[in-house]
N, C-alpha and C. Protein backbone atom coordinates (compact mmCIF):
# COMPACT_ATOMS: atom_id res chain seq x y z
N MET A 1 -74.38 2.84 -83.20
CA MET A 1 -73.65 3.73 -82.32
C MET A 1 -74.59 4.43 -81.34
N LYS A 2 -75.77 4.84 -81.83
CA LYS A 2 -76.72 5.52 -80.97
C LYS A 2 -77.20 4.59 -79.85
N LYS A 3 -77.38 3.32 -80.19
CA LYS A 3 -77.83 2.35 -79.19
C LYS A 3 -76.78 2.17 -78.08
N GLN A 4 -75.50 2.20 -78.44
CA GLN A 4 -74.44 2.06 -77.45
C GLN A 4 -74.39 3.27 -76.52
N ILE A 5 -74.62 4.45 -77.08
CA ILE A 5 -74.64 5.66 -76.25
C ILE A 5 -75.83 5.61 -75.30
N GLN A 6 -76.97 5.18 -75.78
CA GLN A 6 -78.15 5.06 -74.92
C GLN A 6 -77.91 4.05 -73.80
N LEU A 7 -77.28 2.94 -74.14
CA LEU A 7 -76.96 1.93 -73.12
C LEU A 7 -76.00 2.51 -72.08
N PHE A 8 -75.01 3.28 -72.53
CA PHE A 8 -74.08 3.90 -71.60
C PHE A 8 -74.80 4.90 -70.70
N LEU A 9 -75.72 5.66 -71.25
CA LEU A 9 -76.45 6.63 -70.44
C LEU A 9 -77.33 5.94 -69.39
N LEU A 10 -77.84 4.76 -69.72
CA LEU A 10 -78.68 4.04 -68.77
C LEU A 10 -77.89 3.25 -67.73
N THR A 11 -76.70 2.78 -68.09
CA THR A 11 -75.94 1.94 -67.17
C THR A 11 -74.62 2.55 -66.71
N GLY A 12 -74.30 3.75 -67.17
CA GLY A 12 -73.03 4.37 -66.82
C GLY A 12 -72.88 4.71 -65.36
N TRP A 13 -74.00 4.79 -64.63
CA TRP A 13 -73.93 5.10 -63.20
C TRP A 13 -73.21 4.01 -62.43
N LEU A 14 -73.05 2.85 -63.04
CA LEU A 14 -72.34 1.76 -62.36
C LEU A 14 -70.86 2.06 -62.20
N ILE A 15 -70.31 2.91 -63.07
CA ILE A 15 -68.89 3.25 -63.00
C ILE A 15 -68.58 4.03 -61.71
N PRO A 16 -69.31 5.13 -61.42
CA PRO A 16 -69.01 5.81 -60.16
C PRO A 16 -69.32 4.96 -58.92
N ILE A 17 -70.28 4.06 -59.02
CA ILE A 17 -70.55 3.15 -57.90
C ILE A 17 -69.35 2.23 -57.68
N ALA A 18 -68.77 1.73 -58.76
CA ALA A 18 -67.59 0.87 -58.64
C ALA A 18 -66.42 1.62 -58.02
N VAL A 19 -66.23 2.87 -58.42
CA VAL A 19 -65.16 3.69 -57.83
C VAL A 19 -65.45 3.94 -56.35
N ALA A 20 -66.71 4.21 -56.01
CA ALA A 20 -67.08 4.43 -54.61
C ALA A 20 -66.82 3.18 -53.77
N LEU A 21 -67.17 2.03 -54.30
CA LEU A 21 -66.91 0.78 -53.57
C LEU A 21 -65.42 0.53 -53.41
N LEU A 22 -64.64 0.86 -54.41
CA LEU A 22 -63.19 0.71 -54.34
C LEU A 22 -62.61 1.58 -53.24
N PHE A 23 -63.00 2.86 -53.21
CA PHE A 23 -62.47 3.76 -52.20
C PHE A 23 -62.98 3.39 -50.80
N PHE A 24 -64.21 2.94 -50.69
CA PHE A 24 -64.73 2.53 -49.38
C PHE A 24 -63.98 1.30 -48.87
N GLY A 25 -63.72 0.37 -49.76
CA GLY A 25 -62.94 -0.82 -49.38
C GLY A 25 -61.53 -0.47 -48.96
N ARG A 26 -60.91 0.47 -49.67
CA ARG A 26 -59.57 0.90 -49.29
C ARG A 26 -59.58 1.62 -47.95
N TRP A 27 -60.65 2.39 -47.68
CA TRP A 27 -60.76 3.06 -46.39
C TRP A 27 -60.81 2.04 -45.26
N ILE A 28 -61.58 0.98 -45.48
CA ILE A 28 -61.69 -0.07 -44.46
C ILE A 28 -60.33 -0.75 -44.23
N THR A 29 -59.65 -1.12 -45.33
CA THR A 29 -58.40 -1.87 -45.18
C THR A 29 -57.22 -1.01 -44.75
N GLU A 30 -57.22 0.27 -45.11
CA GLU A 30 -56.05 1.10 -44.80
C GLU A 30 -56.25 2.01 -43.59
N ILE A 31 -57.48 2.25 -43.17
CA ILE A 31 -57.72 3.15 -42.05
C ILE A 31 -58.40 2.41 -40.89
N VAL A 32 -59.53 1.76 -41.16
CA VAL A 32 -60.33 1.18 -40.08
C VAL A 32 -59.62 0.00 -39.43
N VAL A 33 -59.17 -0.96 -40.23
CA VAL A 33 -58.53 -2.15 -39.66
C VAL A 33 -57.28 -1.80 -38.86
N PRO A 34 -56.36 -0.97 -39.40
CA PRO A 34 -55.20 -0.60 -38.57
C PRO A 34 -55.59 0.18 -37.30
N THR A 35 -56.66 0.98 -37.38
CA THR A 35 -57.12 1.70 -36.19
C THR A 35 -57.62 0.71 -35.14
N LEU A 36 -58.35 -0.31 -35.57
CA LEU A 36 -58.83 -1.33 -34.62
C LEU A 36 -57.69 -2.12 -34.00
N LYS A 37 -56.57 -2.19 -34.73
CA LYS A 37 -55.40 -2.90 -34.21
C LYS A 37 -54.51 -2.01 -33.35
N GLY A 38 -54.96 -0.78 -33.10
CA GLY A 38 -54.21 0.09 -32.20
C GLY A 38 -53.55 1.27 -32.86
N GLY A 39 -53.74 1.45 -34.15
CA GLY A 39 -53.13 2.58 -34.85
C GLY A 39 -53.83 3.89 -34.52
N ASN A 40 -53.15 4.98 -34.77
CA ASN A 40 -53.70 6.30 -34.54
C ASN A 40 -54.46 6.74 -35.79
N PHE A 41 -55.73 7.01 -35.64
CA PHE A 41 -56.61 7.36 -36.78
C PHE A 41 -56.08 8.59 -37.52
N ASP A 42 -55.72 9.64 -36.79
CA ASP A 42 -55.25 10.87 -37.43
C ASP A 42 -53.93 10.66 -38.17
N GLN A 43 -53.03 9.89 -37.60
CA GLN A 43 -51.76 9.62 -38.27
C GLN A 43 -51.96 8.80 -39.54
N LEU A 44 -52.90 7.86 -39.50
CA LEU A 44 -53.16 7.05 -40.69
C LEU A 44 -53.72 7.90 -41.82
N TYR A 45 -54.61 8.84 -41.50
CA TYR A 45 -55.14 9.73 -42.53
C TYR A 45 -54.03 10.61 -43.10
N ASP A 46 -53.14 11.11 -42.23
CA ASP A 46 -52.04 11.94 -42.70
C ASP A 46 -51.06 11.13 -43.53
N LEU A 47 -50.86 9.88 -43.20
CA LEU A 47 -49.93 9.02 -43.93
C LEU A 47 -50.40 8.76 -45.36
N HIS A 48 -51.68 8.49 -45.54
CA HIS A 48 -52.18 8.11 -46.87
C HIS A 48 -52.52 9.30 -47.76
N GLN A 49 -52.81 10.45 -47.19
CA GLN A 49 -53.11 11.67 -47.94
C GLN A 49 -54.24 11.49 -48.95
N VAL A 50 -55.19 10.62 -48.66
CA VAL A 50 -56.36 10.40 -49.52
C VAL A 50 -57.60 10.56 -48.66
N ARG A 51 -58.56 11.31 -49.15
CA ARG A 51 -59.82 11.48 -48.43
C ARG A 51 -60.80 10.41 -48.95
N TYR A 52 -60.68 9.21 -48.39
CA TYR A 52 -61.45 8.06 -48.87
C TYR A 52 -62.96 8.29 -48.78
N LEU A 53 -63.44 8.73 -47.64
CA LEU A 53 -64.89 8.87 -47.47
C LEU A 53 -65.45 10.04 -48.28
N ASP A 54 -64.67 11.11 -48.44
CA ASP A 54 -65.12 12.22 -49.27
C ASP A 54 -65.26 11.78 -50.73
N THR A 55 -64.27 11.04 -51.21
CA THR A 55 -64.33 10.54 -52.59
C THR A 55 -65.49 9.57 -52.76
N THR A 56 -65.71 8.72 -51.78
CA THR A 56 -66.82 7.78 -51.82
C THR A 56 -68.15 8.52 -51.89
N LEU A 57 -68.31 9.55 -51.08
CA LEU A 57 -69.54 10.33 -51.08
C LEU A 57 -69.77 11.03 -52.41
N VAL A 58 -68.74 11.64 -52.97
CA VAL A 58 -68.89 12.34 -54.25
C VAL A 58 -69.28 11.36 -55.35
N CYS A 59 -68.61 10.21 -55.40
CA CYS A 59 -68.94 9.20 -56.43
C CYS A 59 -70.37 8.68 -56.25
N THR A 60 -70.80 8.49 -55.02
CA THR A 60 -72.16 8.02 -54.76
C THR A 60 -73.19 9.05 -55.19
N VAL A 61 -72.93 10.32 -54.92
CA VAL A 61 -73.85 11.39 -55.34
C VAL A 61 -73.92 11.47 -56.85
N VAL A 62 -72.77 11.39 -57.52
CA VAL A 62 -72.76 11.41 -58.99
C VAL A 62 -73.55 10.23 -59.54
N ALA A 63 -73.36 9.04 -58.98
CA ALA A 63 -74.08 7.86 -59.44
C ALA A 63 -75.58 8.00 -59.21
N PHE A 64 -75.97 8.55 -58.07
CA PHE A 64 -77.39 8.73 -57.77
C PHE A 64 -78.04 9.71 -58.75
N ILE A 65 -77.36 10.82 -59.02
CA ILE A 65 -77.89 11.79 -59.98
C ILE A 65 -77.97 11.18 -61.38
N TRP A 66 -76.94 10.43 -61.77
CA TRP A 66 -76.92 9.78 -63.08
C TRP A 66 -78.05 8.77 -63.20
N ALA A 67 -78.24 7.95 -62.15
CA ALA A 67 -79.30 6.95 -62.18
C ALA A 67 -80.68 7.61 -62.21
N THR A 68 -80.84 8.70 -61.49
CA THR A 68 -82.11 9.43 -61.50
C THR A 68 -82.41 9.96 -62.89
N ALA A 69 -81.41 10.56 -63.53
CA ALA A 69 -81.59 11.07 -64.89
C ALA A 69 -81.90 9.94 -65.86
N ALA A 70 -81.24 8.80 -65.69
CA ALA A 70 -81.49 7.66 -66.57
C ALA A 70 -82.91 7.12 -66.40
N VAL A 71 -83.39 7.07 -65.17
CA VAL A 71 -84.75 6.58 -64.91
C VAL A 71 -85.78 7.53 -65.52
N PHE A 72 -85.56 8.84 -65.35
CA PHE A 72 -86.48 9.80 -65.95
C PHE A 72 -86.47 9.72 -67.47
N LYS A 73 -85.28 9.55 -68.06
CA LYS A 73 -85.18 9.42 -69.52
C LYS A 73 -85.90 8.15 -69.99
N TRP A 74 -85.68 7.05 -69.28
CA TRP A 74 -86.31 5.79 -69.63
C TRP A 74 -87.84 5.88 -69.47
N ALA A 75 -88.29 6.52 -68.41
CA ALA A 75 -89.73 6.66 -68.17
C ALA A 75 -90.38 7.53 -69.24
N ARG A 76 -89.69 8.60 -69.64
CA ARG A 76 -90.23 9.46 -70.69
C ARG A 76 -90.29 8.70 -72.02
N LYS A 77 -89.29 7.88 -72.27
CA LYS A 77 -89.26 7.09 -73.51
C LYS A 77 -90.39 6.06 -73.51
N CYS A 78 -90.63 5.40 -72.37
CA CYS A 78 -91.66 4.37 -72.28
C CYS A 78 -93.07 4.96 -72.32
N SER A 79 -93.21 6.19 -71.85
CA SER A 79 -94.55 6.79 -71.84
C SER A 79 -94.94 7.34 -73.21
N GLY A 80 -93.98 7.40 -74.11
CA GLY A 80 -94.29 7.87 -75.46
C GLY A 80 -94.03 9.35 -75.68
N ALA A 81 -93.72 10.08 -74.62
CA ALA A 81 -93.41 11.49 -74.78
C ALA A 81 -91.95 11.62 -75.18
N ALA A 82 -91.71 12.39 -76.20
CA ALA A 82 -90.34 12.57 -76.66
C ALA A 82 -90.06 14.01 -76.63
């Protein structure tokens, strides 16, 4: 069980990255593409009521902090300091 928790702590940052990629992809398909086809950017944002880029940024920051913590934990473990 401890090994699974350690693995999750080292690789769990992939979850917020996956969510960030999902929201970024939805932003492209639901906002950018219709805007390029002549849609009104502000109306599209009001229609969907989702802050795609804000959510993407938050998930990316969480993933970066998680990955940084995992690297420091892994480096401390490899150096022998506990």
